[in-house]
Protein backbone atom coordinates (compact mmCIF):
# COMPACT_ATOMS: atom_id res chain seq x y z
CA MET A 1 11.76 -18.59 -4.43
CA GLY A 2 14.68 -17.46 -2.32
CA LEU A 3 16.13 -19.42 0.56
CA ARG A 4 18.12 -18.15 3.49
CA TYR A 5 19.96 -21.37 4.26
CA PRO A 6 22.55 -23.48 2.43
CA ASN A 7 21.61 -26.23 0.03
CA GLN A 8 20.04 -29.19 1.80
CA ALA A 9 19.27 -31.27 -1.29
CA THR A 10 20.37 -34.47 0.42
CA GLY A 11 18.00 -34.03 3.36
CA ARG A 12 14.86 -36.14 3.79
CA CYS A 13 12.80 -34.32 6.44
CA PHE A 14 12.18 -30.59 6.73
CA PHE A 15 10.40 -28.00 8.83
CA ALA A 16 9.18 -25.42 6.31
CA THR A 17 7.49 -22.08 6.85
CA THR A 18 5.86 -19.81 4.30
CA THR A 19 4.23 -16.48 5.00
CA PHE A 20 1.45 -14.49 3.40
CA ALA A 21 2.57 -11.23 1.80
CA ASP A 22 3.21 -8.49 4.35
CA TRP A 23 2.04 -10.90 7.08
CA ASN A 24 -1.53 -10.27 5.96
CA ARG A 25 -4.12 -12.45 7.70
CA ILE A 26 -5.26 -14.17 4.53
CA GLY A 27 -6.04 -17.28 6.54
CA ASP A 28 -8.96 -15.34 8.01
CA VAL A 29 -10.63 -15.18 4.58
CA PRO A 30 -13.63 -17.58 4.74
CA GLY A 31 -12.73 -20.91 3.17
CA MET A 32 -9.00 -20.21 3.00
CA TYR A 33 -7.95 -22.84 5.55
CA GLN A 34 -9.77 -25.50 3.56
CA GLU A 35 -8.04 -24.30 0.38
CA LEU A 36 -4.69 -24.61 2.16
CA ILE A 37 -5.59 -28.18 3.19
CA ASN A 38 -6.64 -28.99 -0.39
CA SER A 39 -3.36 -27.65 -1.74
CA LEU A 40 -1.34 -29.51 0.87
CA SER A 41 -3.17 -32.77 0.09
CA PHE A 42 -2.61 -32.32 -3.63
CA CYS A 43 1.12 -31.68 -3.21
CA LEU A 44 1.59 -34.55 -0.76
CA THR A 45 0.20 -36.92 -3.37
CA LYS A 46 1.99 -35.35 -6.33
CA TYR A 47 5.40 -35.39 -4.65
CA LYS A 48 4.87 -38.61 -2.65
CA ALA A 49 5.72 -36.66 0.49
CA VAL A 50 4.84 -37.58 4.06
CA LEU A 51 3.23 -35.06 6.40
CA LEU A 52 4.55 -35.31 9.96
CA GLY A 53 2.97 -32.12 11.28
CA TYR A 54 1.41 -28.81 10.33
CA VAL A 55 -0.26 -25.68 11.57
CA LEU A 56 -2.17 -23.19 9.45
CA MET A 57 -2.15 -19.70 10.93
CA PRO A 58 -3.87 -16.53 9.76
CA SER A 59 -0.58 -15.09 8.45
CA HIS A 60 1.64 -18.11 7.79
CA VAL A 61 1.91 -21.89 7.43
CA HIS A 62 4.29 -24.38 9.08
CA VAL A 63 4.71 -27.95 7.82
CA ILE A 64 7.04 -30.81 8.63
CA LEU A 65 7.53 -32.94 5.56
CA GLY A 66 9.26 -36.17 4.80
CA ILE A 67 10.50 -35.41 1.28
CA GLU A 68 13.74 -35.57 -0.64
CA GLY A 69 15.41 -32.19 -0.25
CA ALA A 70 15.83 -31.82 -4.00
CA ARG A 71 12.01 -31.91 -4.37
CA LEU A 72 11.13 -29.55 -1.51
CA GLY A 73 11.39 -26.38 -3.60
CA ALA A 74 9.01 -27.74 -6.24
CA PHE A 75 6.59 -28.90 -3.51
CA MET A 76 6.51 -25.43 -1.93
CA ARG A 77 6.23 -23.71 -5.33
CA ASP A 78 3.22 -25.81 -6.30
CA PHE A 79 1.62 -25.49 -2.85
CA LYS A 80 1.82 -21.69 -3.05
CA LYS A 81 0.85 -21.54 -6.73
CA TYR A 82 -2.35 -23.55 -6.12
CA ILE A 83 -3.39 -21.14 -3.36
CA ALA A 84 -2.51 -18.05 -5.37
CA GLN A 85 -4.50 -19.20 -8.39
CA LYS A 86 -7.48 -20.39 -6.35
CA SER A 87 -7.54 -17.22 -4.25
CA ALA A 88 -7.49 -15.00 -7.29
CA VAL A 89 -10.48 -16.82 -8.77
CA VAL A 90 -12.58 -17.63 -5.71
CA HIS A 91 -11.76 -14.85 -3.27
CA GLY A 92 -10.82 -12.00 -5.60
CA ILE A 93 -7.36 -11.61 -4.05
CA ARG A 94 -4.62 -10.63 -6.49
CA SER A 95 -2.48 -13.73 -6.99
CA ASP A 96 0.73 -11.70 -6.78
CA ARG A 97 -0.26 -10.44 -3.32
CA ILE A 98 -0.81 -13.79 -1.59
CA TRP A 99 2.68 -14.96 -0.59
CA MET A 100 6.06 -13.57 0.32
CA PRO A 101 8.42 -14.69 -2.44
CA ARG A 102 10.45 -17.07 -0.29
CA TYR A 103 10.01 -19.82 2.25
CA ASP A 104 12.23 -20.95 5.09
CA ARG A 105 13.21 -24.49 5.85
CA VAL A 106 15.28 -26.32 8.41
CA GLU A 107 16.43 -29.88 7.94
CA ILE A 108 15.21 -32.22 10.67
CA VAL A 109 18.29 -34.22 11.67
CA SER A 110 17.07 -36.04 14.78
CA PRO A 111 13.92 -37.00 16.71
CA LYS A 112 14.83 -34.31 19.27
CA VAL A 113 14.80 -31.60 16.60
CA LEU A 114 11.51 -32.99 15.26
CA ARG A 115 9.89 -32.85 18.71
CA THR A 116 11.15 -29.29 19.22
CA LYS A 117 9.74 -28.11 15.89
CA LEU A 118 6.40 -29.87 16.47
CA GLN A 119 6.06 -28.24 19.89
CA TYR A 120 6.98 -24.83 18.48
CA MET A 121 4.43 -24.95 15.68
CA HIS A 122 1.67 -26.53 17.78
CA ASP A 123 2.12 -23.71 20.33
CA ASN A 124 1.63 -21.03 17.63
CA PRO A 125 -2.19 -20.72 17.95
CA VAL A 126 -1.91 -20.47 21.74
CA LYS A 127 0.80 -17.79 21.55
CA ALA A 128 -1.37 -15.90 19.06
CA THR A 129 -4.29 -16.13 21.53
CA LEU A 130 -6.45 -17.91 18.96
CA VAL A 131 -7.12 -20.76 21.43
CA THR A 132 -6.16 -21.64 25.01
CA SER A 133 -4.99 -25.16 24.18
CA SER A 134 -3.08 -26.20 21.05
CA GLU A 135 -5.42 -29.17 20.57
CA ASP A 136 -8.35 -26.75 20.19
CA TRP A 137 -6.98 -25.22 16.96
CA PRO A 138 -8.70 -27.18 14.16
CA TRP A 139 -6.04 -26.34 11.56
CA SER A 140 -3.17 -28.15 13.22
CA SER A 141 -1.76 -31.63 13.74
CA ALA A 142 -1.73 -31.03 17.51
CA ARG A 143 -5.00 -32.96 17.81
CA ALA A 144 -3.48 -36.03 16.20
CA TYR A 145 -0.44 -35.88 18.48
CA ALA A 146 -2.75 -35.52 21.50
CA GLY A 147 -4.44 -38.76 20.46
CA ARG A 148 -7.70 -37.14 19.35
CA ASP A 149 -7.21 -38.06 15.67
CA GLU A 150 -9.59 -35.29 14.64
CA THR A 151 -7.13 -33.52 12.38
CA VAL A 152 -8.39 -32.34 8.98
CA ILE A 153 -5.51 -34.05 7.16
CA PRO A 154 -3.78 -37.23 8.31
CA VAL A 155 -0.24 -37.05 9.68
CA TRP A 156 2.35 -39.79 9.99
CA ARG A 157 3.23 -40.19 13.67
CA GLU A 158 5.02 -43.54 13.60
CA TRP A 159 8.43 -41.81 13.46
CA ALA A 160 8.64 -41.78 17.27
């Protein structure tokens, strides 16, 4: 998987984005959001990573992960591989047409940067006119940060 930014192997917290091939709205496929959650849960456990925030969109995924930078590439590879294999079997989507071949990541270097990235990703469903309030999008950590604790996967909020 290609990266557009310099090596950040020593980092410990990252904002990562991965996109479905050609910005296709694969998230709209029935059951796909749950598959994304399943894959994320699996990888969090496998890599002993901490989830600080996420949003699943029809065409892309944003996550904020506490993970050693040297392990981030393997985490993202396995996250995407799980979805590609599952989608090919369950949804009949060609596994080589699920994801763009790369992902983007930005190292989170301060609480200010973390808050900025959380706000940006939580605003995604509103900007895409999927909901009128970020807390109304079920596939996001915005609910947890709003104190509703109704998110579909737990997030670690004690960083603040």
